Amino acid sequence: MQFKCLLYLMGCFFALMYAFEKNDIEVIVKGKEVEINVHDDPELKTFFFSTDIGEECTSDYKFVHNHNANNTFVYKIDINKELRKDDTLSIFGIFETTDKVISKTYDLIIDESGRGVKQDIPQRSDCIKSETVVNFKEQPCSQVLVFKDDFDDQSLSGWTYEIRSRVLDPVPDQEFVAYMKNTKLNNGLLYLYANWVNDTHFHIAEGCTSKHNGDINKLMRQCGPLKLKGGVSIPPVHSAKLHSSFTFKYGRVEIRARLPIGDWLFPYLLLQPANTQSEDNYVNHLRIVYARGNKRLQDKNSLPIGGDVLFGSAVLWSQDGAREHMTIKRNLYNKQFGDKFHIYTLIWHKDRIIFKVDGLKYGTITHPDVLRTFDLNECFLVLGLTAGGGLNFPHDYLMPEQVKFMNGAVKATELFTEQAVRESWIQPNLVIDYVHVYTTHVNEE
């Protein structure tokens, strides 16, 4: 029986990911010893890795920074089973050079002399080269399903809840919600629902996910304890937000969902860089799709931006605040997109980001700042439902007559609670049928 051995060289640098195009490592097997030689390169500074070879071998973390006498980086590992001719060995490495970080996957087979030789892995006859990366590993073929959640069981094992209040966060990140576990699974559908609350106290005693880093004021703002203010609960709305453990770079995301209906409700279907945390404020992100819950809403130029207008966008942060690059689609039947389920698609390429609904393309983003920003990291998926928000309903973007609460004002929560027409919340939920991610190729539209 052949022994299959897998070595993961896991990097600490998540800046830029490129692939070596040359034969730059040498692997020599001597019984239970595996020696990895990284050939001399004047630009190569270090490489970091851990080894994970299944239950036959140990796991540890290694940082290699010294040359040997032959001016070569060398690392040796003893494994618990002797490797023989025709055993296979996979190595995934991340290497730091003077100006970038490089990733590469090596699929090797042990030859008669004990050297690791590159395998010619057979590919499907219809295989089109993929540009997708999953967990830092390049995927060989496009149009392959690499992530799937159809919500058919009662588990959200691939997702993590965000638990914290947003109502006292600084503008424009302030939202009138606390993210709790407001979800349910029913008949293969995931429901994220928002509800008004009338609590005199708000306190998350356990499980608050605030990244306060010892800031007591931030801890209290996001986890409590908070008391009823001016007769208005703080926060006035509870909802839900989750993020995936799955990460990838470049690919096609398909989400079949029904968007919420109700004044000032806003859905989150996002991609967020994996070097950030879901709870972070002021983070760059891609908005796969959104439509505001208001039936009628206009911007300051009297253009419609309510529930019958669909947006896909990229949000970039700088010292000057947030900048949103948007694509827009009107519903030709003047119906809200929340009236029924639609399939929302984002295709993330290195040179463009495409937005589609029900198979029809309605926008493409090619701005170099956006592409450069999201080329740096893999992203995780975010699903959420909120109420209000300075980014979602910018005060200087809306027609003034249609909004009476000023984001960040002292009485913003009271004014929001008074103005929000609760009867308009006929569908205060984001309902998701499935989330699928596929590998893509450079020509997919």
Protein backbone atom coordinates (compact mmCIF):
# COMPACT_ATOMS: atom_id res chain seq x y z
CA MET A 1 0.00 0.00 0.00
CA GLN A 2 1.30 3.44 -0.87
CA PHE A 3 1.70 5.94 1.96
CA LYS A 4 0.38 9.42 1.20
CA CYS A 5 2.13 12.14 3.11
CA LEU A 6 1.03 15.79 3.28
CA LEU A 7 3.23 18.65 4.45
CA TYR A 8 1.72 22.10 4.97
CA LEU A 9 4.10 25.05 4.94
CA MET A 10 1.85 27.71 6.47
CA GLY A 11 2.94 31.32 6.20
CA CYS A 12 2.58 34.17 8.64
CA PHE A 13 2.51 36.78 5.90
CA PHE A 14 -0.83 37.34 4.18
CA ALA A 15 0.02 40.33 2.01
CA LEU A 16 0.46 39.34 -1.63
CA MET A 17 0.09 35.84 -3.03
CA TYR A 18 1.95 34.89 -6.14
CA ALA A 19 3.07 31.52 -7.52
CA PHE A 20 6.62 30.41 -8.23
CA GLU A 21 6.92 29.54 -11.88
CA LYS A 22 10.28 27.84 -11.52
CA ASN A 23 11.41 24.58 -9.93
CA ASP A 24 12.58 26.11 -6.65
CA ILE A 25 12.61 23.31 -4.06
CA GLU A 26 14.24 19.91 -3.78
CA VAL A 27 12.86 17.13 -1.59
CA ILE A 28 15.01 14.18 -0.51
CA VAL A 29 13.59 11.24 1.49
CA LYS A 30 15.84 8.99 3.55
CA GLY A 31 13.66 6.47 5.32
CA LYS A 32 11.77 8.42 7.97
CA GLU A 33 13.61 11.68 7.28
CA VAL A 34 12.28 14.25 4.80
CA GLU A 35 14.68 17.01 3.78
CA ILE A 36 13.35 20.13 2.05
CA ASN A 37 15.85 22.34 0.25
CA VAL A 38 14.80 25.76 -1.01
CA HIS A 39 17.29 26.75 -3.67
CA ASP A 40 19.24 29.94 -3.55
CA ASP A 41 17.33 33.04 -4.58
CA PRO A 42 18.80 36.49 -3.84
CA GLU A 43 15.30 37.84 -3.11
CA LEU A 44 14.23 35.07 -0.73
CA LYS A 45 14.39 36.08 2.92
CA THR A 46 12.45 33.51 4.96
CA PHE A 47 9.79 30.87 4.81
CA PHE A 48 7.41 29.79 7.54
CA PHE A 49 5.58 26.49 7.81
CA SER A 50 4.00 23.87 9.98
CA THR A 51 3.87 20.18 9.22
CA ASP A 52 0.63 18.28 9.29
CA ILE A 53 1.00 14.73 8.00
CA GLY A 54 -2.07 13.10 9.47
CA GLU A 55 -2.05 10.72 12.38
CA GLU A 56 1.22 9.08 11.30
CA CYS A 57 3.26 12.22 11.95
CA THR A 58 3.56 15.06 14.41
CA SER A 59 2.52 18.69 13.95
CA ASP A 60 4.74 21.60 14.79
CA TYR A 61 5.54 25.13 13.63
CA LYS A 62 8.79 26.05 11.96
CA PHE A 63 10.45 29.28 10.90
CA VAL A 64 13.47 28.79 8.61
CA HIS A 65 15.81 31.75 8.24
CA ASN A 66 19.35 30.40 7.89
CA HIS A 67 21.31 29.34 4.83
CA ASN A 68 23.51 26.27 4.92
CA ALA A 69 27.04 26.11 3.53
CA ASN A 70 25.65 25.74 0.01
CA ASN A 71 23.65 28.95 0.42
CA THR A 72 20.40 26.96 0.53
CA PHE A 73 17.53 27.04 3.00
CA VAL A 74 17.23 23.56 4.52
CA TYR A 75 14.69 21.96 6.81
CA LYS A 76 14.60 18.33 7.94
CA ILE A 77 11.74 16.52 9.61
CA ASP A 78 11.51 13.02 11.05
CA ILE A 79 8.17 11.33 10.40
CA ASN A 80 6.79 8.22 12.06
CA LYS A 81 6.63 6.07 8.98
CA GLU A 82 9.23 5.30 6.38
CA LEU A 83 8.48 6.66 2.91
CA ARG A 84 9.24 4.38 -0.01
CA LYS A 85 9.31 4.52 -3.80
CA ASP A 86 6.01 5.64 -5.35
CA ASP A 87 4.68 7.12 -2.11
CA THR A 88 3.18 10.55 -2.71
CA LEU A 89 4.05 13.79 -0.99
CA SER A 90 2.22 17.14 -1.21
CA ILE A 91 3.85 20.34 -0.03
CA PHE A 92 2.15 23.71 0.24
CA GLY A 93 4.46 26.60 1.07
CA ILE A 94 4.44 30.34 1.62
CA PHE A 95 7.74 32.19 1.17
CA GLU A 96 8.71 35.77 2.00
CA THR A 97 10.82 37.65 -0.54
CA THR A 98 12.02 41.22 -0.37
CA ASP A 99 8.77 42.68 -1.70
CA LYS A 100 6.06 40.03 -1.69
CA VAL A 101 4.79 36.74 -0.33
CA ILE A 102 4.70 33.73 -2.63
CA SER A 103 2.58 30.58 -2.41
CA LYS A 104 3.00 27.30 -4.25
CA THR A 105 1.68 23.75 -4.08
CA TYR A 106 4.02 20.89 -4.97
CA ASP A 107 2.59 17.43 -5.73
CA LEU A 108 5.48 14.97 -5.65
CA ILE A 109 6.10 11.23 -5.94
CA ILE A 110 9.13 9.52 -4.43
CA ASP A 111 11.45 8.01 -7.09
CA GLU A 112 14.05 5.22 -6.85
CA SER A 113 16.72 7.56 -5.47
CA GLY A 114 14.45 8.97 -2.76
CA ARG A 115 13.87 12.30 -4.44
CA GLY A 116 10.49 13.95 -4.73
CA VAL A 117 9.57 14.20 -8.40
CA LYS A 118 6.75 16.37 -9.70
CA GLN A 119 3.63 14.34 -10.46
CA ASP A 120 1.70 14.66 -13.67
CA ILE A 121 -1.72 14.69 -12.09
CA PRO A 122 -4.37 13.71 -14.62
CA GLN A 123 -7.04 16.33 -15.08
CA ARG A 124 -10.55 16.07 -16.42
CA SER A 125 -10.76 16.29 -20.17
CA ASP A 126 -13.03 19.32 -19.76
CA CYS A 127 -10.79 20.99 -17.17
CA ILE A 128 -10.31 24.72 -17.67
CA LYS A 129 -7.53 26.16 -15.50
CA SER A 130 -8.88 27.83 -12.39
CA GLU A 131 -7.72 31.09 -10.84
CA THR A 132 -9.34 30.25 -7.49
CA VAL A 133 -7.38 29.78 -4.27
CA VAL A 134 -8.92 27.98 -1.27
CA ASN A 135 -7.14 27.95 2.07
CA PHE A 136 -4.00 29.17 0.25
CA LYS A 137 -4.08 26.25 -2.19
CA GLU A 138 -4.51 26.85 -5.91
CA GLN A 139 -7.44 24.94 -7.38
CA PRO A 140 -6.66 23.09 -10.65
CA CYS A 141 -10.01 23.24 -12.51
CA SER A 142 -12.75 25.83 -12.79
CA GLN A 143 -16.50 25.27 -12.32
CA VAL A 144 -15.90 23.04 -9.29
CA LEU A 145 -18.06 23.41 -6.19
CA VAL A 146 -15.70 24.15 -3.28
CA PHE A 147 -18.19 25.34 -0.63
CA LYS A 148 -21.80 24.37 -0.14
CA ASP A 149 -24.38 25.04 2.56
CA ASP A 150 -27.97 24.17 1.70
CA PHE A 151 -29.09 24.47 5.34
CA ASP A 152 -30.77 21.07 5.17
CA ASP A 153 -29.89 20.05 8.74
CA GLN A 154 -30.24 21.82 12.06
CA SER A 155 -26.59 22.76 12.27
CA LEU A 156 -24.68 25.94 11.48
CA SER A 157 -21.36 24.24 12.13
CA GLY A 158 -19.54 26.12 9.38
CA TRP A 159 -20.60 29.51 10.71
CA THR A 160 -19.83 31.67 13.76
CA TYR A 161 -22.22 34.17 15.34
CA GLU A 162 -21.29 37.79 15.95
CA ILE A 163 -22.75 38.73 19.34
CA ARG A 164 -22.62 42.43 20.27
CA SER A 165 -24.52 45.72 20.17
CA ARG A 166 -23.87 48.29 17.45
CA VAL A 167 -26.13 51.10 18.65
CA LEU A 168 -23.40 53.12 20.41
CA ASP A 169 -20.64 52.47 17.87
CA PRO A 170 -19.08 55.56 16.28
CA VAL A 171 -20.50 56.92 13.03
CA PRO A 172 -20.71 55.61 10.36
CA ASP A 173 -20.59 52.12 11.91
CA GLN A 174 -23.47 52.86 14.25
CA GLU A 175 -26.50 50.61 13.65
CA PHE A 176 -29.68 50.34 15.69
CA VAL A 177 -29.27 46.66 16.50
CA ALA A 178 -27.70 44.14 18.77
CA TYR A 179 -26.56 41.03 16.94
CA MET A 180 -27.85 38.03 18.84
CA LYS A 181 -28.68 34.48 17.81
CA ASN A 182 -31.84 35.52 15.95
CA THR A 183 -31.83 32.66 13.47
CA LYS A 184 -33.84 29.55 12.75
CA LEU A 185 -33.54 26.68 10.31
CA ASN A 186 -36.75 25.41 8.74
CA ASN A 187 -37.37 23.23 5.67
CA GLY A 188 -33.90 23.81 4.25
CA LEU A 189 -33.99 27.59 4.75
CA LEU A 190 -31.95 29.79 7.05
CA TYR A 191 -33.90 32.69 8.58
CA LEU A 192 -32.12 35.69 10.06
CA TYR A 193 -34.84 37.80 11.67
CA ALA A 194 -35.09 41.23 13.27
CA ASN A 195 -37.47 42.10 16.09
CA TRP A 196 -38.21 45.15 18.22
CA VAL A 197 -37.43 44.84 21.91
CA ASN A 198 -38.61 46.68 25.02
CA ASP A 199 -35.91 45.74 27.49
CA THR A 200 -35.01 48.07 30.33
CA HIS A 201 -31.52 46.55 30.50
CA PHE A 202 -29.14 45.13 27.91
CA HIS A 203 -26.26 42.96 29.05
CA ILE A 204 -24.50 40.07 27.30
CA ALA A 205 -23.15 38.25 30.33
CA GLU A 206 -21.45 35.49 28.32
CA GLY A 207 -20.54 35.04 24.67
CA CYS A 208 -20.09 38.67 23.62
CA THR A 209 -17.69 38.73 20.67
CA SER A 210 -16.65 42.38 20.95
CA LYS A 211 -12.99 42.92 20.05
CA HIS A 212 -12.54 45.57 22.72
CA ASN A 213 -8.84 44.83 23.44
CA GLY A 214 -9.19 45.97 27.01
CA ASP A 215 -11.11 49.17 26.16
CA ILE A 216 -13.69 49.21 28.98
CA ASN A 217 -15.84 51.86 27.28
CA LYS A 218 -16.03 49.82 24.09
CA LEU A 219 -16.78 46.69 26.09
CA MET A 220 -19.71 48.41 27.79
CA ARG A 221 -20.99 49.91 24.53
CA GLN A 222 -21.04 46.55 22.76
CA CYS A 223 -21.68 44.07 25.57
CA GLY A 224 -23.42 46.15 28.22
CA PRO A 225 -24.66 46.71 30.75
CA LEU A 226 -26.83 49.39 29.09
CA LYS A 227 -29.99 50.89 30.54
CA LEU A 228 -33.21 52.16 29.00
CA LYS A 229 -32.70 55.73 27.78
CA GLY A 230 -35.46 58.27 27.16
CA GLY A 231 -38.07 55.52 27.18
CA VAL A 232 -36.28 53.76 24.31
CA SER A 233 -34.52 50.42 24.54
CA ILE A 234 -30.82 50.48 23.74
CA PRO A 235 -30.55 48.84 21.30
CA PRO A 236 -34.16 48.89 20.04
CA VAL A 237 -33.75 45.96 17.60
CA HIS A 238 -32.23 42.50 17.88
CA SER A 239 -31.04 40.63 14.80
CA ALA A 240 -28.29 38.24 13.65
CA LYS A 241 -24.98 38.17 11.81
CA LEU A 242 -22.73 35.20 11.03
CA HIS A 243 -19.48 34.57 9.21
CA SER A 244 -17.99 31.46 7.62
CA SER A 245 -14.85 29.58 8.56
CA PHE A 246 -14.38 28.90 4.83
CA THR A 247 -12.07 31.33 2.99
CA PHE A 248 -11.12 31.71 -0.66
CA LYS A 249 -9.78 34.14 -3.24
CA TYR A 250 -11.27 34.49 -6.71
CA GLY A 251 -14.36 32.46 -7.49
CA ARG A 252 -18.08 32.53 -8.14
CA VAL A 253 -20.46 33.00 -5.22
CA GLU A 254 -24.12 32.08 -5.69
CA ILE A 255 -26.70 32.83 -3.00
CA ARG A 256 -30.40 32.12 -3.39
CA ALA A 257 -32.14 34.45 -0.99
CA ARG A 258 -35.21 36.51 -0.24
CA LEU A 259 -34.32 40.00 0.98
CA PRO A 260 -36.07 41.76 3.89
CA ILE A 261 -38.95 44.22 3.57
CA GLY A 262 -39.38 46.98 6.14
CA ASP A 263 -38.27 50.58 6.63
CA TRP A 264 -34.53 50.90 7.37
CA LEU A 265 -33.86 47.16 7.21
CA PHE A 266 -30.65 46.24 5.40
CA PRO A 267 -29.25 42.80 4.43
CA TYR A 268 -25.59 41.82 4.68
CA LEU A 269 -24.34 39.35 2.07
CA LEU A 270 -20.63 40.13 2.09
CA LEU A 271 -17.09 39.02 1.43
CA GLN A 272 -14.63 40.27 4.05
CA PRO A 273 -10.83 39.86 3.99
CA ALA A 274 -9.58 36.99 6.13
CA ASN A 275 -6.91 39.15 7.76
CA THR A 276 -9.75 41.03 9.52
CA GLN A 277 -12.40 39.93 11.99
CA SER A 278 -16.13 40.13 11.49
CA GLU A 279 -16.41 42.39 14.53
CA ASP A 280 -13.84 44.92 13.28
CA ASN A 281 -15.01 48.44 12.46
CA TYR A 282 -13.95 50.28 9.32
CA VAL A 283 -13.07 47.21 7.24
CA ASN A 284 -12.97 46.86 3.46
CA HIS A 285 -15.59 44.48 2.11
CA LEU A 286 -17.46 43.40 -1.00
CA ARG A 287 -21.23 43.64 -0.91
CA ILE A 288 -22.46 40.71 -2.98
CA VAL A 289 -25.91 42.29 -3.14
CA TYR A 290 -28.28 44.51 -1.20
CA ALA A 291 -31.63 46.21 -1.56
CA ARG A 292 -32.87 48.52 1.17
CA GLY A 293 -36.02 47.40 2.95
CA ASN A 294 -37.90 50.68 2.40
CA LYS A 295 -40.62 50.41 -0.21
CA ARG A 296 -39.99 53.99 -1.28
CA LEU A 297 -36.75 55.85 -0.73
CA GLN A 298 -34.92 58.48 -2.76
CA ASP A 299 -31.47 59.98 -2.74
CA LYS A 300 -30.85 63.73 -2.64
CA ASN A 301 -31.14 63.84 -6.43
CA SER A 302 -34.64 62.30 -6.24
CA LEU A 303 -33.42 59.01 -7.72
CA PRO A 304 -35.06 55.85 -6.32
CA ILE A 305 -32.92 53.75 -3.95
CA GLY A 306 -35.66 51.75 -2.22
CA GLY A 307 -36.43 48.06 -2.28
CA ASP A 308 -36.95 47.93 -6.06
CA VAL A 309 -33.31 48.93 -6.70
CA LEU A 310 -30.53 46.36 -6.43
CA PHE A 311 -26.93 47.20 -5.59
CA GLY A 312 -23.62 45.35 -5.66
CA SER A 313 -20.59 47.20 -4.41
CA ALA A 314 -17.12 47.39 -2.90
CA VAL A 315 -16.50 49.47 0.23
CA LEU A 316 -12.98 50.81 0.79
CA TRP A 317 -11.82 52.64 3.89
CA SER A 318 -9.19 55.34 4.15
CA GLN A 319 -8.33 58.16 6.53
CA ASP A 320 -11.01 60.21 4.79
CA GLY A 321 -13.73 57.65 5.53
CA ALA A 322 -15.52 55.06 3.42
CA ARG A 323 -15.82 55.10 -0.35
CA GLU A 324 -18.35 52.82 -2.05
CA HIS A 325 -17.99 51.70 -5.68
CA MET A 326 -21.49 50.67 -6.77
CA THR A 327 -23.35 48.87 -9.51
CA ILE A 328 -27.13 49.34 -9.73
CA LYS A 329 -30.15 47.55 -11.20
CA ARG A 330 -33.79 48.67 -11.17
CA ASN A 331 -36.61 46.14 -10.99
CA LEU A 332 -38.44 46.68 -14.29
CA TYR A 333 -41.73 45.67 -12.67
CA ASN A 334 -41.39 48.21 -9.84
CA LYS A 335 -41.53 45.40 -7.31
CA GLN A 336 -39.30 45.02 -4.30
CA PHE A 337 -36.58 42.42 -4.67
CA GLY A 338 -37.77 41.03 -1.34
CA ASP A 339 -41.05 39.94 -2.90
CA LYS A 340 -39.56 36.59 -3.91
CA PHE A 341 -36.37 34.53 -3.99
CA HIS A 342 -33.65 35.45 -6.45
CA ILE A 343 -30.22 34.00 -7.20
CA TYR A 344 -27.52 36.58 -6.53
CA THR A 345 -24.09 36.00 -8.03
CA LEU A 346 -20.70 37.62 -7.59
CA ILE A 347 -17.80 36.49 -9.78
CA TRP A 348 -14.50 37.64 -8.33
CA HIS A 349 -11.68 37.80 -10.86
CA LYS A 350 -8.22 39.27 -10.50
CA ASP A 351 -9.05 42.01 -13.04
CA ARG A 352 -12.78 42.55 -12.47
CA ILE A 353 -15.71 41.80 -10.16
CA ILE A 354 -19.03 40.89 -11.81
CA PHE A 355 -22.50 41.17 -10.28
CA LYS A 356 -25.51 39.16 -11.51
CA VAL A 357 -29.11 38.46 -10.54
CA ASP A 358 -30.95 35.39 -11.81
CA GLY A 359 -28.16 34.82 -14.32
CA LEU A 360 -28.24 38.33 -15.81
CA LYS A 361 -25.21 40.57 -15.40
CA TYR A 362 -26.03 44.07 -14.18
CA GLY A 363 -22.64 45.48 -13.27
CA THR A 364 -18.86 45.13 -13.23
CA ILE A 365 -16.25 46.83 -11.03
CA THR A 366 -12.79 47.30 -12.53
CA HIS A 367 -11.46 50.17 -10.42
CA PRO A 368 -7.76 49.46 -9.73
CA ASP A 369 -8.02 50.46 -6.05
CA VAL A 370 -10.74 47.85 -5.50
CA LEU A 371 -8.93 45.10 -7.38
CA ARG A 372 -5.63 45.82 -5.68
CA THR A 373 -7.23 45.87 -2.21
CA PHE A 374 -8.98 42.52 -2.56
CA ASP A 375 -6.05 40.87 -4.29
CA LEU A 376 -4.20 40.92 -0.97
CA ASN A 377 -6.17 38.29 0.96
CA GLU A 378 -8.65 35.49 0.83
CA CYS A 379 -12.14 36.38 2.08
CA PHE A 380 -14.76 34.78 4.29
CA LEU A 381 -18.54 35.02 3.81
CA VAL A 382 -20.81 37.17 5.97
CA LEU A 383 -24.58 36.80 6.34
CA GLY A 384 -26.50 39.35 8.38
CA LEU A 385 -29.50 41.60 8.84
CA THR A 386 -29.35 45.05 10.40
CA ALA A 387 -31.45 48.18 10.91
CA GLY A 388 -30.13 51.59 9.92
CA GLY A 389 -26.43 52.30 9.75
CA GLY A 390 -24.38 55.24 8.60
CA LEU A 391 -22.93 53.29 5.67
CA ASN A 392 -26.25 51.75 4.66
CA PHE A 393 -28.33 54.93 4.89
CA PRO A 394 -25.83 57.82 4.67
CA HIS A 395 -27.49 61.01 5.83
CA ASP A 396 -25.79 63.11 3.15
CA TYR A 397 -26.96 60.64 0.48
CA LEU A 398 -30.67 60.48 1.29
CA MET A 399 -33.36 63.00 0.45
CA PRO A 400 -33.53 65.05 3.69
CA GLU A 401 -37.33 65.02 3.84
CA GLN A 402 -37.35 61.23 4.05
CA VAL A 403 -35.16 60.77 7.10
CA LYS A 404 -35.56 62.59 10.40
CA PHE A 405 -32.86 60.91 12.44
CA MET A 406 -29.25 62.04 12.10
CA ASN A 407 -26.71 59.24 12.30
CA GLY A 408 -24.64 59.76 15.41
CA ALA A 409 -26.91 62.42 16.93
CA VAL A 410 -27.51 62.35 20.69
CA LYS A 411 -31.13 61.31 20.19
CA ALA A 412 -30.57 59.22 17.06
CA THR A 413 -31.94 56.06 18.67
CA GLU A 414 -35.07 57.80 19.95
CA LEU A 415 -35.72 59.48 16.59
CA PHE A 416 -35.09 56.23 14.69
CA THR A 417 -37.52 54.37 16.95
CA GLU A 418 -40.16 57.07 16.52
CA GLN A 419 -39.79 57.36 12.74
CA ALA A 420 -39.53 53.70 11.80
CA VAL A 421 -42.99 52.61 10.73
CA ARG A 422 -43.24 49.21 12.36
CA GLU A 423 -46.21 48.31 10.21
CA SER A 424 -43.86 48.42 7.21
CA TRP A 425 -41.92 45.46 8.63
CA ILE A 426 -44.03 42.94 6.78
CA GLN A 427 -40.98 40.75 6.18
CA PRO A 428 -38.31 41.52 8.80
CA ASN A 429 -36.10 38.62 7.82
CA LEU A 430 -33.36 37.63 5.43
CA VAL A 431 -34.10 34.11 4.18
CA ILE A 432 -31.34 32.09 2.55
CA ASP A 433 -31.91 28.88 0.60
CA TYR A 434 -28.28 28.12 -0.16
CA VAL A 435 -24.76 29.52 -0.38
CA HIS A 436 -22.47 27.98 -3.01
CA VAL A 437 -18.92 28.90 -4.02
CA TYR A 438 -17.37 27.61 -7.26
CA THR A 439 -13.91 27.87 -8.74
CA THR A 440 -13.71 30.22 -11.72
CA HIS A 441 -11.53 30.83 -14.76
CA VAL A 442 -10.32 34.11 -16.20
CA ASN A 443 -12.91 34.23 -18.99
CA GLU A 444 -16.03 33.48 -16.97
CA GLU A 445 -18.68 36.15 -17.32
